[in-house]
PDB file of all heavy atoms in Angstrom:
ATOM      1  N   LEU A   1      97.258 109.353  89.102  1.00  0.00           N
ATOM      2  CA  LEU A   1      96.467 108.153  88.697  1.00  0.00           C
ATOM      3  C   LEU A   1      96.443 108.127  87.137  1.00  0.00           C
ATOM      4  O   LEU A   1      96.561 107.074  86.461  1.00  0.00           O
ATOM      5  CB  LEU A   1      95.087 108.321  89.144  1.00  0.00           C
ATOM      6  CG  LEU A   1      93.990 107.357  88.715  1.00  0.00           C
ATOM      7  CD1 LEU A   1      94.464 105.904  88.940  1.00  0.00           C
ATOM      8  CD2 LEU A   1      92.668 107.612  89.381  1.00  0.00           C
ATOM      9  N   ALA A   2      96.338 109.322  86.443  1.00  0.00           N
ATOM     10  CA  ALA A   2      96.285 109.286  85.008  1.00  0.00           C
ATOM     11  C   ALA A   2      97.649 108.858  84.374  1.00  0.00           C
ATOM     12  O   ALA A   2      97.629 108.140  83.371  1.00  0.00           O
ATOM     13  CB  ALA A   2      96.021 110.747  84.465  1.00  0.00           C
ATOM     14  N   GLU A   3      98.712 109.205  85.015  1.00  0.00           N
ATOM     15  CA  GLU A   3     100.097 108.866  84.511  1.00  0.00           C
ATOM     16  C   GLU A   3     100.414 107.398  84.699  1.00  0.00           C
ATOM     17  O   GLU A   3     101.046 106.765  83.835  1.00  0.00           O
ATOM     18  CB  GLU A   3     101.137 109.813  85.191  1.00  0.00           C
ATOM     19  CG  GLU A   3     102.504 109.478  84.724  1.00  0.00           C
ATOM     20  CD  GLU A   3     103.604 110.316  85.380  1.00  0.00           C
ATOM     21  OE1 GLU A   3     103.173 111.215  86.127  1.00  0.00           O
ATOM     22  OE2 GLU A   3     104.782 110.176  85.080  1.00  0.00           O
ATOM     23  N   HIS A   4      99.909 106.857  85.775  1.00  0.00           N
ATOM     24  CA  HIS A   4     100.258 105.450  86.106  1.00  0.00           C
ATOM     25  C   HIS A   4      99.075 104.514  86.169  1.00  0.00           C
ATOM     26  O   HIS A   4      99.110 103.587  86.925  1.00  0.00           O
ATOM     27  CB  HIS A   4     101.067 105.367  87.456  1.00  0.00           C
ATOM     28  CG  HIS A   4     102.264 106.253  87.496  1.00  0.00           C
ATOM     29  ND1 HIS A   4     103.453 105.961  86.829  1.00  0.00           N
ATOM     30  CD2 HIS A   4     102.462 107.452  88.046  1.00  0.00           C
ATOM     31  CE1 HIS A   4     104.324 106.928  87.023  1.00  0.00           C
ATOM     32  NE2 HIS A   4     103.811 107.826  87.831  1.00  0.00           N
ATOM     33  N   GLU A   5      98.070 104.806  85.399  1.00  0.00           N
ATOM     34  CA  GLU A   5      96.770 104.031  85.573  1.00  0.00           C
ATOM     35  C   GLU A   5      96.923 102.623  85.403  1.00  0.00           C
ATOM     36  O   GLU A   5      96.399 101.785  86.188  1.00  0.00           O
ATOM     37  CB  GLU A   5      95.800 104.610  84.560  1.00  0.00           C
ATOM     38  CG  GLU A   5      94.347 103.936  84.783  1.00  0.00           C
ATOM     39  CD  GLU A   5      93.306 104.605  83.874  1.00  0.00           C
ATOM     40  OE1 GLU A   5      93.515 105.726  83.270  1.00  0.00           O
ATOM     41  OE2 GLU A   5      92.213 104.070  83.828  1.00  0.00           O
ATOM     42  N   ALA A   6      97.683 102.131  84.367  1.00  0.00           N
ATOM     43  CA  ALA A   6      97.731 100.710  84.102  1.00  0.00           C
ATOM     44  C   ALA A   6      98.431 100.017  85.318  1.00  0.00           C
ATOM     45  O   ALA A   6      97.977  98.927  85.744  1.00  0.00           O
ATOM     46  CB  ALA A   6      98.564 100.450  82.816  1.00  0.00           C
ATOM     47  N   LEU A   7      99.539 100.580  85.800  1.00  0.00           N
ATOM     48  CA  LEU A   7     100.225  99.978  86.909  1.00  0.00           C
ATOM     49  C   LEU A   7      99.294  99.919  88.142  1.00  0.00           C
ATOM     50  O   LEU A   7      99.199  98.954  88.902  1.00  0.00           O
ATOM     51  CB  LEU A   7     101.507 100.712  87.239  1.00  0.00           C
ATOM     52  CG  LEU A   7     102.391 100.243  88.379  1.00  0.00           C
ATOM     53  CD1 LEU A   7     103.823 100.463  88.053  1.00  0.00           C
ATOM     54  CD2 LEU A   7     102.051 100.921  89.640  1.00  0.00           C
ATOM     55  N   ILE A   8      98.577 101.044  88.483  1.00  0.00           N
ATOM     56  CA  ILE A   8      97.781 101.114  89.647  1.00  0.00           C
ATOM     57  C   ILE A   8      96.621 100.173  89.595  1.00  0.00           C
ATOM     58  O   ILE A   8      96.335  99.414  90.554  1.00  0.00           O
ATOM     59  CB  ILE A   8      97.242 102.542  89.829  1.00  0.00           C
ATOM     60  CG1 ILE A   8      98.404 103.575  90.171  1.00  0.00           C
ATOM     61  CG2 ILE A   8      96.146 102.658  90.841  1.00  0.00           C
ATOM     62  CD1 ILE A   8      98.082 104.990  90.038  1.00  0.00           C
ATOM     63  N   VAL A   9      95.967 100.065  88.414  1.00  0.00           N
ATOM     64  CA  VAL A   9      94.876  99.134  88.232  1.00  0.00           C
ATOM     65  C   VAL A   9      95.283  97.705  88.494  1.00  0.00           C
ATOM     66  O   VAL A   9      94.589  96.914  89.097  1.00  0.00           O
ATOM     67  CB  VAL A   9      94.164  99.288  86.868  1.00  0.00           C
ATOM     68  CG1 VAL A   9      93.223  98.237  86.574  1.00  0.00           C
ATOM     69  CG2 VAL A   9      93.489 100.743  86.762  1.00  0.00           C
ATOM     70  N   ALA A  10      96.441  97.356  87.976  1.00  0.00           N
ATOM     71  CA  ALA A  10      96.957  96.063  88.069  1.00  0.00           C
ATOM     72  C   ALA A  10      97.319  95.593  89.508  1.00  0.00           C
ATOM     73  O   ALA A  10      97.146  94.478  89.904  1.00  0.00           O
ATOM     74  CB  ALA A  10      98.200  95.835  87.201  1.00  0.00           C
ATOM     75  N   HIS A  11      97.819  96.655  90.289  1.00  0.00           N
ATOM     76  CA  HIS A  11      98.347  96.264  91.671  1.00  0.00           C
ATOM     77  C   HIS A  11      97.574  96.810  92.866  1.00  0.00           C
ATOM     78  O   HIS A  11      97.826  96.284  93.928  1.00  0.00           O
ATOM     79  CB  HIS A  11      99.796  96.780  91.696  1.00  0.00           C
ATOM     80  CG  HIS A  11     100.763  96.043  90.712  1.00  0.00           C
ATOM     81  ND1 HIS A  11     101.233  94.823  90.981  1.00  0.00           N
ATOM     82  CD2 HIS A  11     101.105  96.501  89.479  1.00  0.00           C
ATOM     83  CE1 HIS A  11     102.057  94.479  89.919  1.00  0.00           C
ATOM     84  NE2 HIS A  11     101.998  95.486  88.972  1.00  0.00           N
ATOM     85  N   ALA A  12      96.777  97.787  92.602  1.00  0.00           N
ATOM     86  CA  ALA A  12      96.035  98.359  93.707  1.00  0.00           C
ATOM     87  C   ALA A  12      95.226  97.400  94.541  1.00  0.00           C
ATOM     88  O   ALA A  12      95.214  97.631  95.779  1.00  0.00           O
ATOM     89  CB  ALA A  12      95.184  99.571  93.221  1.00  0.00           C
ATOM     90  N   PRO A  13      94.564  96.402  94.011  1.00  0.00           N
ATOM     91  CA  PRO A  13      93.790  95.480  94.861  1.00  0.00           C
ATOM     92  C   PRO A  13      94.605  94.926  96.014  1.00  0.00           C
ATOM     93  O   PRO A  13      94.128  94.685  97.107  1.00  0.00           O
ATOM     94  CB  PRO A  13      93.228  94.416  93.867  1.00  0.00           C
ATOM     95  CG  PRO A  13      93.085  95.144  92.624  1.00  0.00           C
ATOM     96  CD  PRO A  13      94.311  96.107  92.570  1.00  0.00           C
ATOM     97  N   SER A  14      95.928  94.675  95.716  1.00  0.00           N
ATOM     98  CA  SER A  14      96.756  94.078  96.754  1.00  0.00           C
ATOM     99  C   SER A  14      97.031  95.094  97.856  1.00  0.00           C
ATOM    100  O   SER A  14      97.506  94.729  98.983  1.00  0.00           O
ATOM    101  CB  SER A  14      98.109  93.549  96.099  1.00  0.00           C
ATOM    102  OG  SER A  14      98.909  94.634  95.603  1.00  0.00           O
ATOM    103  N   TRP A  15      96.901  96.332  97.538  1.00  0.00           N
ATOM    104  CA  TRP A  15      97.208  97.367  98.559  1.00  0.00           C
ATOM    105  C   TRP A  15      96.210  97.472  99.658  1.00  0.00           C
ATOM    106  O   TRP A  15      96.373  98.162 100.700  1.00  0.00           O
ATOM    107  CB  TRP A  15      97.273  98.774  97.897  1.00  0.00           C
ATOM    108  CG  TRP A  15      98.375  98.891  96.874  1.00  0.00           C
ATOM    109  CD1 TRP A  15      99.353  98.038  96.601  1.00  0.00           C
ATOM    110  CD2 TRP A  15      98.583  99.963  95.974  1.00  0.00           C
ATOM    111  NE1 TRP A  15     100.127  98.528  95.645  1.00  0.00           N
ATOM    112  CE2 TRP A  15      99.636  99.736  95.168  1.00  0.00           C
ATOM    113  CE3 TRP A  15      97.878 101.202  95.674  1.00  0.00           C
ATOM    114  CZ2 TRP A  15     100.170 100.546  94.167  1.00  0.00           C
ATOM    115  CZ3 TRP A  15      98.339 102.027  94.756  1.00  0.00           C
ATOM    116  CH2 TRP A  15      99.508 101.764  93.979  1.00  0.00           C
ATOM    117  N   ALA A  16      95.059  96.690  99.487  1.00  0.00           N
ATOM    118  CA  ALA A  16      94.034  96.655 100.547  1.00  0.00           C
ATOM    119  C   ALA A  16      94.604  96.087 101.816  1.00  0.00           C
ATOM    120  O   ALA A  16      94.154  96.259 102.892  1.00  0.00           O
ATOM    121  CB  ALA A  16      92.849  95.873 100.149  1.00  0.00           C
ATOM    122  N   THR A  17      95.682  95.253 101.749  1.00  0.00           N
ATOM    123  CA  THR A  17      96.416  94.722 102.848  1.00  0.00           C
ATOM    124  C   THR A  17      97.370  95.815 103.286  1.00  0.00           C
ATOM    125  O   THR A  17      98.338  96.157 102.597  1.00  0.00           O
ATOM    126  CB  THR A  17      97.206  93.454 102.442  1.00  0.00           C
ATOM    127  OG1 THR A  17      96.244  92.481 101.989  1.00  0.00           O
ATOM    128  CG2 THR A  17      97.893  92.888 103.699  1.00  0.00           C
ATOM    129  N   VAL A  18      97.193  96.316 104.530  1.00  0.00           N
ATOM    130  CA  VAL A  18      98.002  97.403 104.987  1.00  0.00           C
ATOM    131  C   VAL A  18      99.419  96.965 105.268  1.00  0.00           C
ATOM    132  O   VAL A  18      99.664  95.879 105.862  1.00  0.00           O
ATOM    133  CB  VAL A  18      97.403  97.995 106.294  1.00  0.00           C
ATOM    134  CG1 VAL A  18      98.294  99.186 106.853  1.00  0.00           C
ATOM    135  CG2 VAL A  18      95.991  98.467 106.114  1.00  0.00           C
ATOM    136  N   PRO A  19     100.431  97.685 104.800  1.00  0.00           N
ATOM    137  CA  PRO A  19     101.816  97.277 105.060  1.00  0.00           C
ATOM    138  C   PRO A  19     102.105  97.170 106.550  1.00  0.00           C
ATOM    139  O   PRO A  19     101.661  98.030 107.356  1.00  0.00           O
ATOM    140  CB  PRO A  19     102.682  98.481 104.404  1.00  0.00           C
ATOM    141  CG  PRO A  19     101.720  99.045 103.366  1.00  0.00           C
ATOM    142  CD  PRO A  19     100.327  98.872 103.960  1.00  0.00           C
ATOM    143  N   GLU A  20     102.953  96.179 106.941  1.00  0.00           N
ATOM    144  CA  GLU A  20     103.195  95.954 108.382  1.00  0.00           C
ATOM    145  C   GLU A  20     103.863  97.155 109.000  1.00  0.00           C
ATOM    146  O   GLU A  20     103.582  97.416 110.145  1.00  0.00           O
ATOM    147  CB  GLU A  20     104.139  94.666 108.467  1.00  0.00           C
ATOM    148  CG  GLU A  20     103.429  93.412 108.160  1.00  0.00           C
ATOM    149  CD  GLU A  20     104.336  92.176 108.528  1.00  0.00           C
ATOM    150  OE1 GLU A  20     105.300  92.459 109.221  1.00  0.00           O
ATOM    151  OE2 GLU A  20     103.918  91.131 108.115  1.00  0.00           O
ATOM    152  N   ARG A  21     104.752  97.848 108.222  1.00  0.00           N
ATOM    153  CA  ARG A  21     105.467  98.909 108.843  1.00  0.00           C
ATOM    154  C   ARG A  21     104.616 100.064 109.358  1.00  0.00           C
ATOM    155  O   ARG A  21     105.145 100.878 110.143  1.00  0.00           O
ATOM    156  CB  ARG A  21     106.525  99.497 107.831  1.00  0.00           C
ATOM    157  CG  ARG A  21     105.960 100.141 106.571  1.00  0.00           C
ATOM    158  CD  ARG A  21     107.051 100.671 105.715  1.00  0.00           C
ATOM    159  NE  ARG A  21     106.448 101.405 104.540  1.00  0.00           N
ATOM    160  CZ  ARG A  21     106.121 100.806 103.468  1.00  0.00           C
ATOM    161  NH1 ARG A  21     106.191  99.581 103.325  1.00  0.00           N
ATOM    162  NH2 ARG A  21     105.608 101.570 102.438  1.00  0.00           N
ATOM    163  N   ILE A  22     103.393 100.190 108.935  1.00  0.00           N
ATOM    164  CA  ILE A  22     102.533 101.296 109.389  1.00  0.00           C
ATOM    165  C   ILE A  22     101.365 100.894 110.246  1.00  0.00           C
ATOM    166  O   ILE A  22     100.574 101.741 110.710  1.00  0.00           O
ATOM    167  CB  ILE A  22     102.016 102.209 108.204  1.00  0.00           C
ATOM    168  CG1 ILE A  22     101.047 101.382 107.382  1.00  0.00           C
ATOM    169  CG2 ILE A  22     103.136 102.598 107.373  1.00  0.00           C
ATOM    170  CD1 ILE A  22     100.289 102.250 106.354  1.00  0.00           C
ATOM    171  N   ARG A  23     101.267  99.605 110.536  1.00  0.00           N
ATOM    172  CA  ARG A  23     100.009  99.115 111.218  1.00  0.00           C
ATOM    173  C   ARG A  23     100.035  99.666 112.668  1.00  0.00           C
ATOM    174  O   ARG A  23      98.920  99.783 113.294  1.00  0.00           O
ATOM    175  CB  ARG A  23     100.074  97.596 111.298  1.00  0.00           C
ATOM    176  CG  ARG A  23      99.656  96.997 109.910  1.00  0.00           C
ATOM    177  CD  ARG A  23      99.753  95.514 109.863  1.00  0.00           C
ATOM    178  NE  ARG A  23      99.562  95.008 108.483  1.00  0.00           N
ATOM    179  CZ  ARG A  23      99.599  93.766 108.216  1.00  0.00           C
ATOM    180  NH1 ARG A  23      99.833  92.789 109.136  1.00  0.00           N
ATOM    181  NH2 ARG A  23      99.468  93.328 106.924  1.00  0.00           N
ATOM    182  N   ASP A  24     101.157  99.982 113.295  1.00  0.00           N
ATOM    183  CA  ASP A  24     101.170 100.506 114.545  1.00  0.00           C
ATOM    184  C   ASP A  24     101.288 102.097 114.700  1.00  0.00           C
ATOM    185  O   ASP A  24     101.407 102.566 115.716  1.00  0.00           O
ATOM    186  CB  ASP A  24     102.347  99.918 115.440  1.00  0.00           C
ATOM    187  CG  ASP A  24     102.161  98.364 115.555  1.00  0.00           C
ATOM    188  OD1 ASP A  24     100.954  97.973 115.646  1.00  0.00           O
ATOM    189  OD2 ASP A  24     103.176  97.726 115.627  1.00  0.00           O
ATOM    190  N   ASP A  25     101.234 102.658 113.507  1.00  0.00           N
ATOM    191  CA  ASP A  25     101.356 104.172 113.392  1.00  0.00           C
ATOM    192  C   ASP A  25      99.965 104.678 113.032  1.00  0.00           C
ATOM    193  O   ASP A  25      99.591 104.654 111.905  1.00  0.00           O
ATOM    194  CB  ASP A  25     102.449 104.553 112.405  1.00  0.00           C
ATOM    195  CG  ASP A  25     102.640 105.996 112.306  1.00  0.00           C
ATOM    196  OD1 ASP A  25     101.789 106.791 112.677  1.00  0.00           O
ATOM    197  OD2 ASP A  25     103.803 106.353 111.810  1.00  0.00           O
ATOM    198  N   ALA A  26      99.243 105.210 114.072  1.00  0.00           N
ATOM    199  CA  ALA A  26      97.862 105.610 113.824  1.00  0.00           C
ATOM    200  C   ALA A  26      97.798 106.730 112.742  1.00  0.00           C
ATOM    201  O   ALA A  26      96.859 106.716 111.954  1.00  0.00           O
ATOM    202  CB  ALA A  26      97.269 106.173 115.165  1.00  0.00           C
ATOM    203  N   GLN A  27      98.718 107.656 112.771  1.00  0.00           N
ATOM    204  CA  GLN A  27      98.625 108.764 111.874  1.00  0.00           C
ATOM    205  C   GLN A  27      98.875 108.235 110.397  1.00  0.00           C
ATOM    206  O   GLN A  27      98.174 108.592 109.463  1.00  0.00           O
ATOM    207  CB  GLN A  27      99.638 109.842 112.234  1.00  0.00           C
ATOM    208  CG  GLN A  27      99.491 111.112 111.381  1.00  0.00           C
ATOM    209  CD  GLN A  27     100.480 112.168 111.786  1.00  0.00           C
ATOM    210  OE1 GLN A  27     101.268 111.960 112.680  1.00  0.00           O
ATOM    211  NE2 GLN A  27     100.336 113.318 111.181  1.00  0.00           N
ATOM    212  N   ALA A  28      99.912 107.379 110.302  1.00  0.00           N
ATOM    213  CA  ALA A  28     100.243 106.816 108.974  1.00  0.00           C
ATOM    214  C   ALA A  28      99.156 105.919 108.509  1.00  0.00           C
ATOM    215  O   ALA A  28      98.806 105.918 107.296  1.00  0.00           O
ATOM    216  CB  ALA A  28     101.550 106.038 108.950  1.00  0.00           C
ATOM    217  N   LEU A  29      98.462 105.195 109.351  1.00  0.00           N
ATOM    218  CA  LEU A  29      97.415 104.318 108.980  1.00  0.00           C
ATOM    219  C   LEU A  29      96.204 105.118 108.465  1.00  0.00           C
ATOM    220  O   LEU A  29      95.543 104.689 107.489  1.00  0.00           O
ATOM    221  CB  LEU A  29      97.007 103.551 110.206  1.00  0.00           C
ATOM    222  CG  LEU A  29      96.030 102.349 110.004  1.00  0.00           C
ATOM    223  CD1 LEU A  29      96.542 101.327 109.003  1.00  0.00           C
ATOM    224  CD2 LEU A  29      95.661 101.637 111.340  1.00  0.00           C
ATOM    225  N   GLU A  30      95.902 106.248 109.129  1.00  0.00           N
ATOM    226  CA  GLU A  30      94.819 107.089 108.734  1.00  0.00           C
ATOM    227  C   GLU A  30      95.037 107.686 107.322  1.00  0.00           C
ATOM    228  O   GLU A  30      94.161 107.663 106.460  1.00  0.00           O
ATOM    229  CB  GLU A  30      94.576 108.231 109.715  1.00  0.00           C
ATOM    230  CG  GLU A  30      93.438 109.124 109.342  1.00  0.00           C
ATOM    231  CD  GLU A  30      93.131 110.179 110.451  1.00  0.00           C
ATOM    232  OE1 GLU A  30      93.764 110.045 111.525  1.00  0.00           O
ATOM    233  OE2 GLU A  30      92.350 111.057 110.120  1.00  0.00           O
ATOM    234  N   ARG A  31      96.283 108.094 107.057  1.00  0.00           N
ATOM    235  CA  ARG A  31      96.649 108.617 105.745  1.00  0.00           C
ATOM    236  C   ARG A  31      96.530 107.518 104.695  1.00  0.00           C
ATOM    237  O   ARG A  31      96.141 107.763 103.589  1.00  0.00           O
ATOM    238  CB  ARG A  31      98.105 109.197 105.803  1.00  0.00           C
ATOM    239  CG  ARG A  31      98.151 110.506 106.628  1.00  0.00           C
ATOM    240  CD  ARG A  31      99.632 110.986 106.679  1.00  0.00           C
ATOM    241  NE  ARG A  31     100.125 111.296 105.402  1.00  0.00           N
ATOM    242  CZ  ARG A  31     101.471 111.358 105.096  1.00  0.00           C
ATOM    243  NH1 ARG A  31     102.276 111.023 105.956  1.00  0.00           N
ATOM    244  NH2 ARG A  31     101.831 111.687 103.872  1.00  0.00           N
ATOM    245  N   TYR A  32      96.986 106.279 105.083  1.00  0.00           N
ATOM    246  CA  TYR A  32      96.972 105.233 104.148  1.00  0.00           C
ATOM    247  C   TYR A  32      95.486 104.912 103.714  1.00  0.00           C
ATOM    248  O   TYR A  32      95.070 104.682 102.642  1.00  0.00           O
ATOM    249  CB  TYR A  32      97.595 103.956 104.738  1.00  0.00           C
ATOM    250  CG  TYR A  32      97.851 102.880 103.692  1.00  0.00           C
ATOM    251  CD1 TYR A  32      98.960 102.889 102.877  1.00  0.00           C
ATOM    252  CD2 TYR A  32      96.946 101.765 103.541  1.00  0.00           C
ATOM    253  CE1 TYR A  32      99.215 101.944 101.954  1.00  0.00           C
ATOM    254  CE2 TYR A  32      97.185 100.764 102.662  1.00  0.00           C
ATOM    255  CZ  TYR A  32      98.333 100.853 101.854  1.00  0.00           C
ATOM    256  OH  TYR A  32      98.489  99.764 100.993  1.00  0.00           O
ATOM    257  N   ALA A  33      94.617 104.898 104.790  1.00  0.00           N
ATOM    258  CA  ALA A  33      93.189 104.524 104.568  1.00  0.00           C
ATOM    259  C   ALA A  33      92.564 105.687 103.743  1.00  0.00           C
ATOM    260  O   ALA A  33      91.696 105.345 102.805  1.00  0.00           O
ATOM    261  CB  ALA A  33      92.464 104.492 105.894  1.00  0.00           C
ATOM    262  N   GLU A  34      92.911 106.860 103.902  1.00  0.00           N
ATOM    263  CA  GLU A  34      92.330 107.963 103.138  1.00  0.00           C
ATOM    264  C   GLU A  34      92.758 107.828 101.612  1.00  0.00           C
ATOM    265  O   GLU A  34      91.911 107.975 100.706  1.00  0.00           O
ATOM    266  CB  GLU A  34      92.864 109.302 103.628  1.00  0.00           C
ATOM    267  CG  GLU A  34      92.345 110.538 102.794  1.00  0.00           C
ATOM    268  CD  GLU A  34      92.861 111.794 103.298  1.00  0.00           C
ATOM    269  OE1 GLU A  34      93.659 111.827 104.228  1.00  0.00           O
ATOM    270  OE2 GLU A  34      92.477 112.875 102.692  1.00  0.00           O
ATOM    271  N   MET A  35      94.020 107.398 101.389  1.00  0.00           N
ATOM    272  CA  MET A  35      94.477 107.198 100.028  1.00  0.00           C
ATOM    273  C   MET A  35      93.730 106.073  99.404  1.00  0.00           C
ATOM    274  O   MET A  35      93.284 106.138  98.239  1.00  0.00           O
ATOM    275  CB  MET A  35      96.064 106.874 100.015  1.00  0.00           C
ATOM    276  CG  MET A  35      96.583 106.631  98.622  1.00  0.00           C
ATOM    277  SD  MET A  35      96.400 104.876  98.082  1.00  0.00           S
ATOM    278  CE  MET A  35      97.497 104.028  99.177  1.00  0.00           C
ATOM    279  N   LEU A  36      93.486 104.972 100.093  1.00  0.00           N
ATOM    280  CA  LEU A  36      92.854 103.835  99.576  1.00  0.00           C
ATOM    281  C   LEU A  36      91.400 104.176  99.163  1.00  0.00           C
ATOM    282  O   LEU A  36      90.916 103.781  98.031  1.00  0.00           O
ATOM    283  CB  LEU A  36      92.861 102.652 100.587  1.00  0.00           C
ATOM    284  CG  LEU A  36      94.090 101.827 100.725  1.00  0.00           C
ATOM    285  CD1 LEU A  36      93.876 100.745 101.775  1.00  0.00           C
ATOM    286  CD2 LEU A  36      94.471 101.248  99.405  1.00  0.00           C
ATOM    287  N   MET A  37      90.611 104.881 100.054  1.00  0.00           N
ATOM    288  CA  MET A  37      89.251 105.192  99.672  1.00  0.00           C
ATOM    289  C   MET A  37      89.176 106.148  98.511  1.00  0.00           C
ATOM    290  O   MET A  37      88.326 105.984  97.680  1.00  0.00           O
ATOM    291  CB  MET A  37      88.566 105.814 100.926  1.00  0.00           C
ATOM    292  CG  MET A  37      88.173 104.642 101.932  1.00  0.00           C
ATOM    293  SD  MET A  37      87.220 103.306 101.209  1.00  0.00           S
ATOM    294  CE  MET A  37      85.824 104.164 100.425  1.00  0.00           C
ATOM    295  N   ARG A  38      90.046 107.058  98.491  1.00  0.00           N
ATOM    296  CA  ARG A  38      89.989 108.047  97.327  1.00  0.00           C
ATOM    297  C   ARG A  38      90.377 107.320  96.040  1.00  0.00           C
ATOM    298  O   ARG A  38      89.784 107.500  95.032  1.00  0.00           O
ATOM    299  CB  ARG A  38      91.018 109.285  97.587  1.00  0.00           C
ATOM    300  CG  ARG A  38      90.963 110.349  96.581  1.00  0.00           C
ATOM    301  CD  ARG A  38      91.923 111.459  96.893  1.00  0.00           C
ATOM    302  NE  ARG A  38      91.597 112.080  98.098  1.00  0.00           N
ATOM    303  CZ  ARG A  38      90.644 113.054  98.253  1.00  0.00           C
ATOM    304  NH1 ARG A  38      89.945 113.347  97.246  1.00  0.00           N
ATOM    305  NH2 ARG A  38      90.466 113.536  99.440  1.00  0.00           N
ATOM    306  N   LEU A  39      91.419 106.401  96.156  1.00  0.00           N
ATOM    307  CA  LEU A  39      91.789 105.698  94.942  1.00  0.00           C
ATOM    308  C   LEU A  39      90.737 104.688  94.455  1.00  0.00           C
ATOM    309  O   LEU A  39      90.407 104.556  93.394  1.00  0.00           O
ATOM    310  CB  LEU A  39      93.102 104.879  95.267  1.00  0.00           C
ATOM    311  CG  LEU A  39      93.661 104.164  94.114  1.00  0.00           C
ATOM    312  CD1 LEU A  39      94.004 105.021  92.944  1.00  0.00           C
ATOM    313  CD2 LEU A  39      94.941 103.277  94.553  1.00  0.00           C
ATOM    314  N   ALA A  40      90.056 104.036  95.455  1.00  0.00           N
ATOM    315  CA  ALA A  40      89.008 103.109  95.164  1.00  0.00           C
ATOM    316  C   ALA A  40      87.881 103.857  94.402  1.00  0.00           C
ATOM    317  O   ALA A  40      87.377 103.289  93.355  1.00  0.00           O
ATOM    318  CB  ALA A  40      88.508 102.368  96.342  1.00  0.00           C
ATOM    319  N   SER A  41      87.504 104.986  94.899  1.00  0.00           N
ATOM    320  CA  SER A  41      86.363 105.739  94.221  1.00  0.00           C
ATOM    321  C   SER A  41      86.753 106.216  92.838  1.00  0.00           C
ATOM    322  O   SER A  41      86.000 106.032  91.901  1.00  0.00           O
ATOM    323  CB  SER A  41      85.993 106.920  95.109  1.00  0.00           C
ATOM    324  OG  SER A  41      85.474 106.516  96.428  1.00  0.00           O
ATOM    325  N   ALA A  42      88.063 106.636  92.665  1.00  0.00           N
ATOM    326  CA  ALA A  42      88.529 107.124  91.453  1.00  0.00           C
ATOM    327  C   ALA A  42      88.558 105.915  90.448  1.00  0.00           C
ATOM    328  O   ALA A  42      88.189 106.143  89.247  1.00  0.00           O
ATOM    329  CB  ALA A  42      89.899 107.772  91.586  1.00  0.00           C
ATOM    330  N   CYS A  43      88.995 104.792  90.887  1.00  0.00           N
ATOM    331  CA  CYS A  43      89.069 103.611  89.991  1.00  0.00           C
ATOM    332  C   CYS A  43      87.716 103.178  89.527  1.00  0.00           C
ATOM    333  O   CYS A  43      87.485 102.787  88.419  1.00  0.00           O
ATOM    334  CB  CYS A  43      89.823 102.458  90.688  1.00  0.00           C
ATOM    335  SG  CYS A  43      91.694 102.730  90.781  1.00  0.00           S
ATOM    336  N   VAL A  44      86.737 103.254  90.451  1.00  0.00           N
ATOM    337  CA  VAL A  44      85.319 102.865  90.099  1.00  0.00           C
ATOM    338  C   VAL A  44      84.874 103.849  89.020  1.00  0.00           C
ATOM    339  O   VAL A  44      84.222 103.379  88.010  1.00  0.00           O
ATOM    340  CB  VAL A  44      84.398 102.893  91.303  1.00  0.00           C
ATOM    341  CG1 VAL A  44      82.935 102.816  90.911  1.00  0.00           C
ATOM    342  CG2 VAL A  44      84.754 101.768  92.286  1.00  0.00           C
TER     343      VAL A  44
END
């Protein structure tokens, strides 16, 4: 996050839409949700 903060802040809101390729993969979906919540808290 520290290394790529500008890029992440600019594009992370669009990541709230889950990529189609993982929507049917429960394990991948859980890991993606964990990343989003951790990232959202860190950005706040």
